[in-house]
Amino acid sequence: MNRIDAVWLSVDPIDMRLGADRLLARVVQVFDAAQAHQGYLFANARANRIKRRVHNGFGVGCAARRLNLGGFVWPREGSMHTAPLSLTREQFDAVVLGLPWQRLEALKRITHM
């Protein structure tokens, strides 16, 4: 199991056909460097596919996930989020499942309206 200390999410969509080298170049372009023990998440324009790139200190790994119905909750270009975002472990788990990761704190409590 790879140690992941931080996970970053890129707002800009990518072409899911990118291979390992071009995806690594994209990580460096968007995040300035591929840091050891950090993960980088990208989505396609429709946000129904994501790719995660992880640098474990010795090499890099890539994983992909696709939703057949619906899409991942992803900030869009032109939204208030334009820079890459840092995610907590709980937010990362929600992103991968396609859950509304931005609203995790609000979903933890039930209130009377």
PDB file of N, CA and C in Angstrom:
ATOM      1  N   MET A   1       0.838  -1.170   0.000  1.00  0.00           N
ATOM      2  CA  MET A   1       0.000   0.000   0.000  1.00  0.00           C
ATOM      3  C   MET A   1       0.884   1.234   0.000  1.00  0.00           C
ATOM      4  N   ASN A   2       0.569   2.165  -0.850  1.00  0.00           N
ATOM      5  CA  ASN A   2       1.318   3.413  -0.924  1.00  0.00           C
ATOM      6  C   ASN A   2       0.841   4.385   0.140  1.00  0.00           C
ATOM      7  N   ARG A   3       1.784   5.092   0.734  1.00  0.00           N
ATOM      8  CA  ARG A   3       1.457   6.159   1.675  1.00  0.00           C
ATOM      9  C   ARG A   3       1.097   7.392   0.869  1.00  0.00           C
ATOM     10  N   ILE A   4      -0.039   7.993   1.163  1.00  0.00           N
ATOM     11  CA  ILE A   4      -0.459   9.221   0.498  1.00  0.00           C
ATOM     12  C   ILE A   4      -0.724  10.255   1.578  1.00  0.00           C
ATOM     13  N   ASP A   5       0.110  11.289   1.606  1.00  0.00           N
ATOM     14  CA  ASP A   5      -0.009  12.330   2.618  1.00  0.00           C
ATOM     15  C   ASP A   5      -0.963  13.443   2.208  1.00  0.00           C
ATOM     16  N   ALA A   6      -1.106  13.673   0.923  1.00  0.00           N
ATOM     17  CA  ALA A   6      -1.983  14.739   0.434  1.00  0.00           C
ATOM     18  C   ALA A   6      -2.554  14.335  -0.911  1.00  0.00           C
ATOM     19  N   VAL A   7      -3.776  14.779  -1.161  1.00  0.00           N
ATOM     20  CA  VAL A   7      -4.427  14.534  -2.448  1.00  0.00           C
ATOM     21  C   VAL A   7      -4.852  15.880  -3.007  1.00  0.00           C
ATOM     22  N   TRP A   8      -4.552  16.094  -4.269  1.00  0.00           N
ATOM     23  CA  TRP A   8      -4.870  17.341  -4.958  1.00  0.00           C
ATOM     24  C   TRP A   8      -5.824  17.061  -6.097  1.00  0.00           C
ATOM     25  N   LEU A   9      -6.761  17.969  -6.317  1.00  0.00           N
ATOM     26  CA  LEU A   9      -7.762  17.825  -7.367  1.00  0.00           C
ATOM     27  C   LEU A   9      -7.570  18.943  -8.377  1.00  0.00           C
ATOM     28  N   SER A  10      -7.488  18.584  -9.643  1.00  0.00           N
ATOM     29  CA  SER A  10      -7.366  19.569 -10.713  1.00  0.00           C
ATOM     30  C   SER A  10      -8.746  19.904 -11.251  1.00  0.00           C
ATOM     31  N   VAL A  11      -9.043  21.182 -11.393  1.00  0.00           N
ATOM     32  CA  VAL A  11     -10.338  21.623 -11.887  1.00  0.00           C
ATOM     33  C   VAL A  11     -10.451  21.422 -13.391  1.00  0.00           C
ATOM     34  N   ASP A  12      -9.370  21.650 -14.119  1.00  0.00           N
ATOM     35  CA  ASP A  12      -9.394  21.557 -15.579  1.00  0.00           C
ATOM     36  C   ASP A  12      -9.549  20.114 -16.036  1.00  0.00           C
ATOM     37  N   PRO A  13     -10.429  19.859 -17.011  1.00  0.00           N
ATOM     38  CA  PRO A  13     -10.590  18.488 -17.519  1.00  0.00           C
ATOM     39  C   PRO A  13      -9.382  18.053 -18.345  1.00  0.00           C
ATOM     40  N   ILE A  14      -9.180  16.723 -18.423  1.00  0.00           N
ATOM     41  CA  ILE A  14      -8.096  16.175 -19.237  1.00  0.00           C
ATOM     42  C   ILE A  14      -8.665  15.161 -20.212  1.00  0.00           C
ATOM     43  N   ASP A  15      -7.866  14.841 -21.194  1.00  0.00           N
ATOM     44  CA  ASP A  15      -8.184  13.796 -22.151  1.00  0.00           C
ATOM     45  C   ASP A  15      -7.829  12.460 -21.494  1.00  0.00           C
ATOM     46  N   MET A  16      -8.795  11.591 -21.323  1.00  0.00           N
ATOM     47  CA  MET A  16      -8.573  10.319 -20.638  1.00  0.00           C
ATOM     48  C   MET A  16      -7.675   9.370 -21.427  1.00  0.00           C
ATOM     49  N   ARG A  17      -7.359   9.708 -22.654  1.00  0.00           N
ATOM     50  CA  ARG A  17      -6.451   8.857 -23.438  1.00  0.00           C
ATOM     51  C   ARG A  17      -4.987   9.131 -23.125  1.00  0.00           C
ATOM     52  N   LEU A  18      -4.715  10.109 -22.264  1.00  0.00           N
ATOM     53  CA  LEU A  18      -3.329  10.413 -21.909  1.00  0.00           C
ATOM     54  C   LEU A  18      -2.660   9.192 -21.293  1.00  0.00           C
ATOM     55  N   GLY A  19      -1.467   8.910 -21.756  1.00  0.00           N
ATOM     56  CA  GLY A  19      -0.687   7.818 -21.194  1.00  0.00           C
ATOM     57  C   GLY A  19       0.059   8.269 -19.950  1.00  0.00           C
ATOM     58  N   ALA A  20       0.848   7.375 -19.398  1.00  0.00           N
ATOM     59  CA  ALA A  20       1.546   7.634 -18.137  1.00  0.00           C
ATOM     60  C   ALA A  20       2.457   8.850 -18.222  1.00  0.00           C
ATOM     61  N   ASP A  21       3.238   8.969 -19.278  1.00  0.00           N
ATOM     62  CA  ASP A  21       4.189  10.080 -19.386  1.00  0.00           C
ATOM     63  C   ASP A  21       3.495  11.420 -19.578  1.00  0.00           C
ATOM     64  N   ARG A  22       2.476  11.451 -20.419  1.00  0.00           N
ATOM     65  CA  ARG A  22       1.765  12.713 -20.656  1.00  0.00           C
ATOM     66  C   ARG A  22       0.949  13.128 -19.434  1.00  0.00           C
ATOM     67  N   LEU A  23       0.430  12.149 -18.688  1.00  0.00           N
ATOM     68  CA  LEU A  23      -0.293  12.483 -17.468  1.00  0.00           C
ATOM     69  C   LEU A  23       0.659  13.034 -16.412  1.00  0.00           C
ATOM     70  N   LEU A  24       1.856  12.462 -16.325  1.00  0.00           N
ATOM     71  CA  LEU A  24       2.862  12.989 -15.405  1.00  0.00           C
ATOM     72  C   LEU A  24       3.254  14.417 -15.801  1.00  0.00           C
ATOM     73  N   ALA A  25       3.382  14.673 -17.097  1.00  0.00           N
ATOM     74  CA  ALA A  25       3.680  16.033 -17.567  1.00  0.00           C
ATOM     75  C   ALA A  25       2.546  16.987 -17.192  1.00  0.00           C
ATOM     76  N   ARG A  26       1.327  16.504 -17.243  1.00  0.00           N
ATOM     77  CA  ARG A  26       0.168  17.326 -16.853  1.00  0.00           C
ATOM     78  C   ARG A  26       0.201  17.638 -15.357  1.00  0.00           C
ATOM     79  N   VAL A  27       0.595  16.655 -14.538  1.00  0.00           N
ATOM     80  CA  VAL A  27       0.739  16.886 -13.098  1.00  0.00           C
ATOM     81  C   VAL A  27       1.741  18.007 -12.855  1.00  0.00           C
ATOM     82  N   VAL A  28       2.888  17.938 -13.515  1.00  0.00           N
ATOM     83  CA  VAL A  28       3.925  18.963 -13.342  1.00  0.00           C
ATOM     84  C   VAL A  28       3.421  20.316 -13.836  1.00  0.00           C
ATOM     85  N   GLN A  29       2.672  20.326 -14.937  1.00  0.00           N
ATOM     86  CA  GLN A  29       2.149  21.579 -15.479  1.00  0.00           C
ATOM     87  C   GLN A  29       1.139  22.220 -14.524  1.00  0.00           C
ATOM     88  N   VAL A  30       0.225  21.445 -13.984  1.00  0.00           N
ATOM     89  CA  VAL A  30      -0.837  21.980 -13.141  1.00  0.00           C
ATOM     90  C   VAL A  30      -0.374  22.238 -11.709  1.00  0.00           C
ATOM     91  N   PHE A  31       0.416  21.315 -11.153  1.00  0.00           N
ATOM     92  CA  PHE A  31       0.786  21.381  -9.736  1.00  0.00           C
ATOM     93  C   PHE A  31       2.244  21.797  -9.505  1.00  0.00           C
ATOM     94  N   ASP A  32       2.971  22.135 -10.549  1.00  0.00           N
ATOM     95  CA  ASP A  32       4.366  22.586 -10.508  1.00  0.00           C
ATOM     96  C   ASP A  32       5.374  21.468 -10.272  1.00  0.00           C
ATOM     97  N   ALA A  33       4.970  20.349  -9.706  1.00  0.00           N
ATOM     98  CA  ALA A  33       5.872  19.213  -9.473  1.00  0.00           C
ATOM     99  C   ALA A  33       5.046  18.013  -9.033  1.00  0.00           C
ATOM    100  N   ALA A  34       5.608  16.832  -9.221  1.00  0.00           N
ATOM    101  CA  ALA A  34       4.999  15.613  -8.680  1.00  0.00           C
ATOM    102  C   ALA A  34       5.728  15.303  -7.380  1.00  0.00           C
ATOM    103  N   GLN A  35       5.126  15.640  -6.268  1.00  0.00           N
ATOM    104  CA  GLN A  35       5.748  15.463  -4.960  1.00  0.00           C
ATOM    105  C   GLN A  35       5.575  14.022  -4.483  1.00  0.00           C
ATOM    106  N   ALA A  36       6.581  13.514  -3.785  1.00  0.00           N
ATOM    107  CA  ALA A  36       6.503  12.165  -3.231  1.00  0.00           C
ATOM    108  C   ALA A  36       5.367  12.077  -2.216  1.00  0.00           C
ATOM    109  N   HIS A  37       4.669  10.956  -2.241  1.00  0.00           N
ATOM    110  CA  HIS A  37       3.573  10.634  -1.312  1.00  0.00           C
ATOM    111  C   HIS A  37       2.387  11.589  -1.447  1.00  0.00           C
ATOM    112  N   GLN A  38       2.167  12.063  -2.680  1.00  0.00           N
ATOM    113  CA  GLN A  38       1.007  12.891  -2.943  1.00  0.00           C
ATOM    114  C   GLN A  38       0.260  12.335  -4.144  1.00  0.00           C
ATOM    115  N   GLY A  39      -1.059  12.456  -4.103  1.00  0.00           N
ATOM    116  CA  GLY A  39      -1.911  11.987  -5.185  1.00  0.00           C
ATOM    117  C   GLY A  39      -2.514  13.168  -5.926  1.00  0.00           C
ATOM    118  N   TYR A  40      -2.777  12.968  -7.205  1.00  0.00           N
ATOM    119  CA  TYR A  40      -3.314  14.021  -8.058  1.00  0.00           C
ATOM    120  C   TYR A  40      -4.500  13.464  -8.820  1.00  0.00           C
ATOM    121  N   LEU A  41      -5.667  14.123  -8.699  1.00  0.00           N
ATOM    122  CA  LEU A  41      -6.890  13.667  -9.345  1.00  0.00           C
ATOM    123  C   LEU A  41      -7.249  14.556 -10.525  1.00  0.00           C
ATOM    124  N   PHE A  42      -7.662  13.903 -11.616  1.00  0.00           N
ATOM    125  CA  PHE A  42      -8.110  14.597 -12.815  1.00  0.00           C
ATOM    126  C   PHE A  42      -9.414  13.954 -13.275  1.00  0.00           C
ATOM    127  N   ALA A  43     -10.256  14.723 -13.951  1.00  0.00           N
ATOM    128  CA  ALA A  43     -11.491  14.192 -14.532  1.00  0.00           C
ATOM    129  C   ALA A  43     -11.575  14.604 -15.990  1.00  0.00           C
ATOM    130  N   ASN A  44     -12.411  13.877 -16.741  1.00  0.00           N
ATOM    131  CA  ASN A  44     -12.670  14.276 -18.116  1.00  0.00           C
ATOM    132  C   ASN A  44     -13.719  15.387 -18.127  1.00  0.00           C
ATOM    133  N   ALA A  45     -14.032  15.914 -19.292  1.00  0.00           N
ATOM    134  CA  ALA A  45     -14.949  17.050 -19.394  1.00  0.00           C
ATOM    135  C   ALA A  45     -16.356  16.706 -18.902  1.00  0.00           C
ATOM    136  N   ARG A  46     -16.805  15.477 -19.088  1.00  0.00           N
ATOM    137  CA  ARG A  46     -18.144  15.062 -18.639  1.00  0.00           C
ATOM    138  C   ARG A  46     -18.158  14.651 -17.174  1.00  0.00           C
ATOM    139  N   ALA A  47     -16.996  14.552 -16.555  1.00  0.00           N
ATOM    140  CA  ALA A  47     -16.836  14.169 -15.139  1.00  0.00           C
ATOM    141  C   ALA A  47     -17.433  12.797 -14.836  1.00  0.00           C
ATOM    142  N   ASN A  48     -17.395  11.892 -15.814  1.00  0.00           N
ATOM    143  CA  ASN A  48     -17.830  10.529 -15.528  1.00  0.00           C
ATOM    144  C   ASN A  48     -16.639   9.572 -15.434  1.00  0.00           C
ATOM    145  N   ARG A  49     -15.437  10.106 -15.632  1.00  0.00           N
ATOM    146  CA  ARG A  49     -14.203   9.323 -15.477  1.00  0.00           C
ATOM    147  C   ARG A  49     -13.185  10.160 -14.711  1.00  0.00           C
ATOM    148  N   ILE A  50     -12.435   9.491 -13.837  1.00  0.00           N
ATOM    149  CA  ILE A  50     -11.350  10.168 -13.135  1.00  0.00           C
ATOM    150  C   ILE A  50     -10.085   9.334 -13.238  1.00  0.00           C
ATOM    151  N   LYS A  51      -8.951  10.010 -13.136  1.00  0.00           N
ATOM    152  CA  LYS A  51      -7.648   9.354 -13.067  1.00  0.00           C
ATOM    153  C   LYS A  51      -6.906   9.902 -11.870  1.00  0.00           C
ATOM    154  N   ARG A  52      -6.246   9.011 -11.160  1.00  0.00           N
ATOM    155  CA  ARG A  52      -5.430   9.405 -10.007  1.00  0.00           C
ATOM    156  C   ARG A  52      -3.992   9.027 -10.300  1.00  0.00           C
ATOM    157  N   ARG A  53      -3.107   9.970 -10.085  1.00  0.00           N
ATOM    158  CA  ARG A  53      -1.674   9.766 -10.278  1.00  0.00           C
ATOM    159  C   ARG A  53      -1.016   9.902  -8.922  1.00  0.00           C
ATOM    160  N   VAL A  54      -0.192   8.932  -8.524  1.00  0.00           N
ATOM    161  CA  VAL A  54       0.472   8.957  -7.219  1.00  0.00           C
ATOM    162  C   VAL A  54       1.967   8.772  -7.416  1.00  0.00           C
ATOM    163  N   HIS A  55       2.744   9.615  -6.744  1.00  0.00           N
ATOM    164  CA  HIS A  55       4.195   9.473  -6.733  1.00  0.00           C
ATOM    165  C   HIS A  55       4.564   8.934  -5.356  1.00  0.00           C
ATOM    166  N   ASN A  56       5.135   7.720  -5.301  1.00  0.00           N
ATOM    167  CA  ASN A  56       5.418   7.089  -4.009  1.00  0.00           C
ATOM    168  C   ASN A  56       6.852   7.277  -3.535  1.00  0.00           C
ATOM    169  N   GLY A  57       7.614   8.111  -4.195  1.00  0.00           N
ATOM    170  CA  GLY A  57       9.001   8.347  -3.809  1.00  0.00           C
ATOM    171  C   GLY A  57       9.984   7.580  -4.675  1.00  0.00           C
ATOM    172  N   PHE A  58       9.544   6.502  -5.310  1.00  0.00           N
ATOM    173  CA  PHE A  58      10.398   5.702  -6.191  1.00  0.00           C
ATOM    174  C   PHE A  58       9.912   5.731  -7.632  1.00  0.00           C
ATOM    175  N   GLY A  59       8.623   5.850  -7.809  1.00  0.00           N
ATOM    176  CA  GLY A  59       8.029   5.848  -9.136  1.00  0.00           C
ATOM    177  C   GLY A  59       6.623   6.404  -9.053  1.00  0.00           C
ATOM    178  N   VAL A  60       5.911   6.311 -10.151  1.00  0.00           N
ATOM    179  CA  VAL A  60       4.555   6.839 -10.186  1.00  0.00           C
ATOM    180  C   VAL A  60       3.587   5.729 -10.558  1.00  0.00           C
ATOM    181  N   GLY A  61       2.373   5.843 -10.066  1.00  0.00           N
ATOM    182  CA  GLY A  61       1.320   4.886 -10.378  1.00  0.00           C
ATOM    183  C   GLY A  61       0.090   5.630 -10.842  1.00  0.00           C
ATOM    184  N   CYS A  62      -0.751   4.931 -11.575  1.00  0.00           N
ATOM    185  CA  CYS A  62      -1.951   5.549 -12.120  1.00  0.00           C
ATOM    186  C   CYS A  62      -3.128   4.606 -11.911  1.00  0.00           C
ATOM    187  N   ALA A  63      -4.269   5.159 -11.545  1.00  0.00           N
ATOM    188  CA  ALA A  63      -5.498   4.388 -11.400  1.00  0.00           C
ATOM    189  C   ALA A  63      -6.616   5.184 -12.048  1.00  0.00           C
ATOM    190  N   ALA A  64      -7.594   4.485 -12.581  1.00  0.00           N
ATOM    191  CA  ALA A  64      -8.726   5.139 -13.235  1.00  0.00           C
ATOM    192  C   ALA A  64     -10.027   4.570 -12.689  1.00  0.00           C
ATOM    193  N   ARG A  65     -11.074   5.380 -12.731  1.00  0.00           N
ATOM    194  CA  ARG A  65     -12.397   4.940 -12.295  1.00  0.00           C
ATOM    195  C   ARG A  65     -13.426   5.581 -13.214  1.00  0.00           C
ATOM    196  N   ARG A  66     -14.477   4.821 -13.514  1.00  0.00           N
ATOM    197  CA  ARG A  66     -15.520   5.300 -14.416  1.00  0.00           C
ATOM    198  C   ARG A  66     -16.877   5.022 -13.800  1.00  0.00           C
ATOM    199  N   LEU A  67     -17.790   5.999 -13.924  1.00  0.00           N
ATOM    200  CA  LEU A  67     -19.170   5.806 -13.517  1.00  0.00           C
ATOM    201  C   LEU A  67     -20.006   5.612 -14.777  1.00  0.00           C
ATOM    202  N   ASN A  68     -20.766   4.549 -14.828  1.00  0.00           N
ATOM    203  CA  ASN A  68     -21.613   4.293 -15.998  1.00  0.00           C
ATOM    204  C   ASN A  68     -22.854   5.172 -16.007  1.00  0.00           C
ATOM    205  N   LEU A  69     -23.355   5.519 -14.835  1.00  0.00           N
ATOM    206  CA  LEU A  69     -24.504   6.413 -14.718  1.00  0.00           C
ATOM    207  C   LEU A  69     -24.106   7.610 -13.880  1.00  0.00           C
ATOM    208  N   GLY A  70     -24.525   8.783 -14.290  1.00  0.00           N
ATOM    209  CA  GLY A  70     -24.211   9.989 -13.536  1.00  0.00           C
ATOM    210  C   GLY A  70     -22.769  10.414 -13.716  1.00  0.00           C
ATOM    211  N   GLY A  71     -22.288  11.164 -12.757  1.00  0.00           N
ATOM    212  CA  GLY A  71     -20.918  11.655 -12.840  1.00  0.00           C
ATOM    213  C   GLY A  71     -20.372  11.953 -11.468  1.00  0.00           C
ATOM    214  N   PHE A  72     -19.081  12.206 -11.432  1.00  0.00           N
ATOM    215  CA  PHE A  72     -18.412  12.590 -10.200  1.00  0.00           C
ATOM    216  C   PHE A  72     -18.740  14.050  -9.908  1.00  0.00           C
ATOM    217  N   VAL A  73     -18.819  14.407  -8.632  1.00  0.00           N
ATOM    218  CA  VAL A  73     -19.047  15.792  -8.244  1.00  0.00           C
ATOM    219  C   VAL A  73     -17.709  16.498  -8.409  1.00  0.00           C
ATOM    220  N   TRP A  74     -17.657  17.400  -9.382  1.00  0.00           N
ATOM    221  CA  TRP A  74     -16.388  18.024  -9.761  1.00  0.00           C
ATOM    222  C   TRP A  74     -16.584  19.508  -9.981  1.00  0.00           C
ATOM    223  N   PRO A  75     -15.697  20.346  -9.458  1.00  0.00           N
ATOM    224  CA  PRO A  75     -15.823  21.779  -9.754  1.00  0.00           C
ATOM    225  C   PRO A  75     -15.603  22.019 -11.246  1.00  0.00           C
ATOM    226  N   ARG A  76     -16.328  22.929 -11.791  1.00  0.00           N
ATOM    227  CA  ARG A  76     -16.233  23.236 -13.221  1.00  0.00           C
ATOM    228  C   ARG A  76     -15.320  24.419 -13.464  1.00  0.00           C
ATOM    229  N   GLU A  77     -14.761  24.454 -14.675  1.00  0.00           N
ATOM    230  CA  GLU A  77     -13.972  25.620 -15.089  1.00  0.00           C
ATOM    231  C   GLU A  77     -14.871  26.852 -15.007  1.00  0.00           C
ATOM    232  N   GLY A  78     -14.306  27.957 -14.539  1.00  0.00           N
ATOM    233  CA  GLY A  78     -15.075  29.186 -14.423  1.00  0.00           C
ATOM    234  C   GLY A  78     -15.846  29.284 -13.117  1.00  0.00           C
ATOM    235  N   SER A  79     -15.834  28.222 -12.306  1.00  0.00           N
ATOM    236  CA  SER A  79     -16.502  28.298 -11.009  1.00  0.00           C
ATOM    237  C   SER A  79     -15.593  29.054 -10.043  1.00  0.00           C
ATOM    238  N   MET A  80     -16.008  29.141  -8.793  1.00  0.00           N
ATOM    239  CA  MET A  80     -15.188  29.864  -7.823  1.00  0.00           C
ATOM    240  C   MET A  80     -13.862  29.164  -7.559  1.00  0.00           C
ATOM    241  N   HIS A  81     -13.768  27.880  -7.891  1.00  0.00           N
ATOM    242  CA  HIS A  81     -12.518  27.136  -7.725  1.00  0.00           C
ATOM    243  C   HIS A  81     -11.794  27.093  -9.064  1.00  0.00           C
ATOM    244  N   THR A  82     -10.698  27.821  -9.177  1.00  0.00           N
ATOM    245  CA  THR A  82      -9.934  27.795 -10.419  1.00  0.00           C
ATOM    246  C   THR A  82      -8.564  27.171 -10.212  1.00  0.00           C
ATOM    247  N   ALA A  83      -8.074  27.215  -8.994  1.00  0.00           N
ATOM    248  CA  ALA A  83      -6.769  26.626  -8.685  1.00  0.00           C
ATOM    249  C   ALA A  83      -6.969  25.189  -8.214  1.00  0.00           C
ATOM    250  N   PRO A  84      -5.937  24.367  -8.280  1.00  0.00           N
ATOM    251  CA  PRO A  84      -6.045  23.006  -7.754  1.00  0.00           C
ATOM    252  C   PRO A  84      -6.440  23.029  -6.278  1.00  0.00           C
ATOM    253  N   LEU A  85      -7.228  22.052  -5.873  1.00  0.00           N
ATOM    254  CA  LEU A  85      -7.737  21.988  -4.510  1.00  0.00           C
ATOM    255  C   LEU A  85      -7.082  20.851  -3.740  1.00  0.00           C
ATOM    256  N   SER A  86      -6.848  21.078  -2.470  1.00  0.00           N
ATOM    257  CA  SER A  86      -6.338  20.035  -1.587  1.00  0.00           C
ATOM    258  C   SER A  86      -7.528  19.350  -0.933  1.00  0.00           C
ATOM    259  N   LEU A  87      -7.516  18.009  -0.897  1.00  0.00           N
ATOM    260  CA  LEU A  87      -8.613  17.245  -0.323  1.00  0.00           C
ATOM    261  C   LEU A  87      -8.165  16.503   0.927  1.00  0.00           C
ATOM    262  N   THR A  88      -9.080  16.349   1.874  1.00  0.00           N
ATOM    263  CA  THR A  88      -8.825  15.493   3.023  1.00  0.00           C
ATOM    264  C   THR A  88      -9.050  14.043   2.597  1.00  0.00           C
ATOM    265  N   ARG A  89      -8.657  13.112   3.436  1.00  0.00           N
ATOM    266  CA  ARG A  89      -8.872  11.695   3.124  1.00  0.00           C
ATOM    267  C   ARG A  89     -10.370  11.400   2.978  1.00  0.00           C
ATOM    268  N   GLU A  90     -11.174  11.993   3.851  1.00  0.00           N
ATOM    269  CA  GLU A  90     -12.626  11.798   3.797  1.00  0.00           C
ATOM    270  C   GLU A  90     -13.204  12.358   2.493  1.00  0.00           C
ATOM    271  N   GLN A  91     -12.733  13.520   2.064  1.00  0.00           N
ATOM    272  CA  GLN A  91     -13.189  14.097   0.802  1.00  0.00           C
ATOM    273  C   GLN A  91     -12.756  13.241  -0.382  1.00  0.00           C
ATOM    274  N   PHE A  92     -11.517  12.738  -0.346  1.00  0.00           N
ATOM    275  CA  PHE A  92     -11.036  11.876  -1.423  1.00  0.00           C
ATOM    276  C   PHE A  92     -11.910  10.631  -1.541  1.00  0.00           C
ATOM    277  N   ASP A  93     -12.223   9.996  -0.414  1.00  0.00           N
ATOM    278  CA  ASP A  93     -13.079   8.813  -0.430  1.00  0.00           C
ATOM    279  C   ASP A  93     -14.437   9.130  -1.043  1.00  0.00           C
ATOM    280  N   ALA A  94     -14.992  10.307  -0.721  1.00  0.00           N
ATOM    281  CA  ALA A  94     -16.281  10.712  -1.280  1.00  0.00           C
ATOM    282  C   ALA A  94     -16.184  10.977  -2.777  1.00  0.00           C
ATOM    283  N   VAL A  95     -15.108  11.621  -3.224  1.00  0.00           N
ATOM    284  CA  VAL A  95     -14.922  11.894  -4.656  1.00  0.00           C
ATOM    285  C   VAL A  95     -14.931  10.585  -5.441  1.00  0.00           C
ATOM    286  N   VAL A  96     -14.158   9.623  -4.985  1.00  0.00           N
ATOM    287  CA  VAL A  96     -14.022   8.352  -5.705  1.00  0.00           C
ATOM    288  C   VAL A  96     -15.355   7.611  -5.785  1.00  0.00           C
ATOM    289  N   LEU A  97     -16.202   7.777  -4.779  1.00  0.00           N
ATOM    290  CA  LEU A  97     -17.517   7.135  -4.787  1.00  0.00           C
ATOM    291  C   LEU A  97     -18.566   7.936  -5.555  1.00  0.00           C
ATOM    292  N   GLY A  98     -18.222   9.163  -5.964  1.00  0.00           N
ATOM    293  CA  GLY A  98     -19.173  10.006  -6.684  1.00  0.00           C
ATOM    294  C   GLY A  98     -20.107  10.763  -5.764  1.00  0.00           C
ATOM    295  N   LEU A  99     -19.743  10.910  -4.496  1.00  0.00           N
ATOM    296  CA  LEU A  99     -20.577  11.604  -3.515  1.00  0.00           C
ATOM    297  C   LEU A  99     -20.240  13.095  -3.470  1.00  0.00           C
ATOM    298  N   PRO A 100     -21.142  13.913  -2.937  1.00  0.00           N
ATOM    299  CA  PRO A 100     -20.913  15.369  -2.874  1.00  0.00           C
ATOM    300  C   PRO A 100     -19.879  15.733  -1.810  1.00  0.00           C
ATOM    301  N   TRP A 101     -18.627  15.653  -2.148  1.00  0.00           N
ATOM    302  CA  TRP A 101     -17.530  15.846  -1.201  1.00  0.00           C
ATOM    303  C   TRP A 101     -17.460  17.255  -0.633  1.00  0.00           C
ATOM    304  N   GLN A 102     -17.967  18.259  -1.348  1.00  0.00           N
ATOM    305  CA  GLN A 102     -17.914  19.637  -0.851  1.00  0.00           C
ATOM    306  C   GLN A 102     -18.865  19.849   0.319  1.00  0.00           C
ATOM    307  N   ARG A 103     -19.861  18.964   0.470  1.00  0.00           N
ATOM    308  CA  ARG A 103     -20.884  19.144   1.498  1.00  0.00           C
ATOM    309  C   ARG A 103     -20.756  18.154   2.643  1.00  0.00           C
ATOM    310  N   LEU A 104     -19.613  17.528   2.828  1.00  0.00           N
ATOM    311  CA  LEU A 104     -19.464  16.506   3.859  1.00  0.00           C
ATOM    312  C   LEU A 104     -19.775  17.023   5.255  1.00  0.00           C
ATOM    313  N   GLU A 105     -19.304  18.210   5.603  1.00  0.00           N
ATOM    314  CA  GLU A 105     -19.557  18.757   6.944  1.00  0.00           C
ATOM    315  C   GLU A 105     -21.048  18.984   7.164  1.00  0.00           C
ATOM    316  N   ALA A 106     -21.725  19.526   6.168  1.00  0.00           N
ATOM    317  CA  ALA A 106     -23.155  19.789   6.300  1.00  0.00           C
ATOM    318  C   ALA A 106     -23.956  18.488   6.394  1.00  0.00           C
ATOM    319  N   LEU A 107     -23.477  17.426   5.743  1.00  0.00           N
ATOM    320  CA  LEU A 107     -24.198  16.158   5.758  1.00  0.00           C
ATOM    321  C   LEU A 107     -24.017  15.395   7.068  1.00  0.00           C
ATOM    322  N   LYS A 108     -23.103  15.818   7.920  1.00  0.00           N
ATOM    323  CA  LYS A 108     -22.845  15.118   9.178  1.00  0.00           C
ATOM    324  C   LYS A 108     -23.911  15.405  10.232  1.00  0.00           C
ATOM    325  N   ARG A 109     -24.734  16.420  10.049  1.00  0.00           N
ATOM    326  CA  ARG A 109     -25.739  16.733  11.052  1.00  0.00           C
ATOM    327  C   ARG A 109     -27.095  16.910  10.379  1.00  0.00           C
ATOM    328  N   ILE A 110     -28.103  16.523  11.124  1.00  0.00           N
ATOM    329  CA  ILE A 110     -29.481  16.676  10.669  1.00  0.00           C
ATOM    330  C   ILE A 110     -30.096  17.768  11.516  1.00  0.00           C
ATOM    331  N   THR A 111     -30.717  18.741  10.853  1.00  0.00           N
ATOM    332  CA  THR A 111     -31.325  19.853  11.578  1.00  0.00           C
ATOM    333  C   THR A 111     -32.786  19.981  11.190  1.00  0.00           C
ATOM    334  N   HIS A 112     -33.529  20.667  12.018  1.00  0.00           N
ATOM    335  CA  HIS A 112     -34.933  20.954  11.743  1.00  0.00           C
ATOM    336  C   HIS A 112     -35.019  22.290  11.033  1.00  0.00           C
ATOM    337  N   MET A 113     -35.757  22.331   9.948  1.00  0.00           N
ATOM    338  CA  MET A 113     -35.869  23.582   9.193  1.00  0.00           C
ATOM    339  C   MET A 113     -37.139  24.299   9.529  1.00  0.00           C
TER     340      MET A 113
END
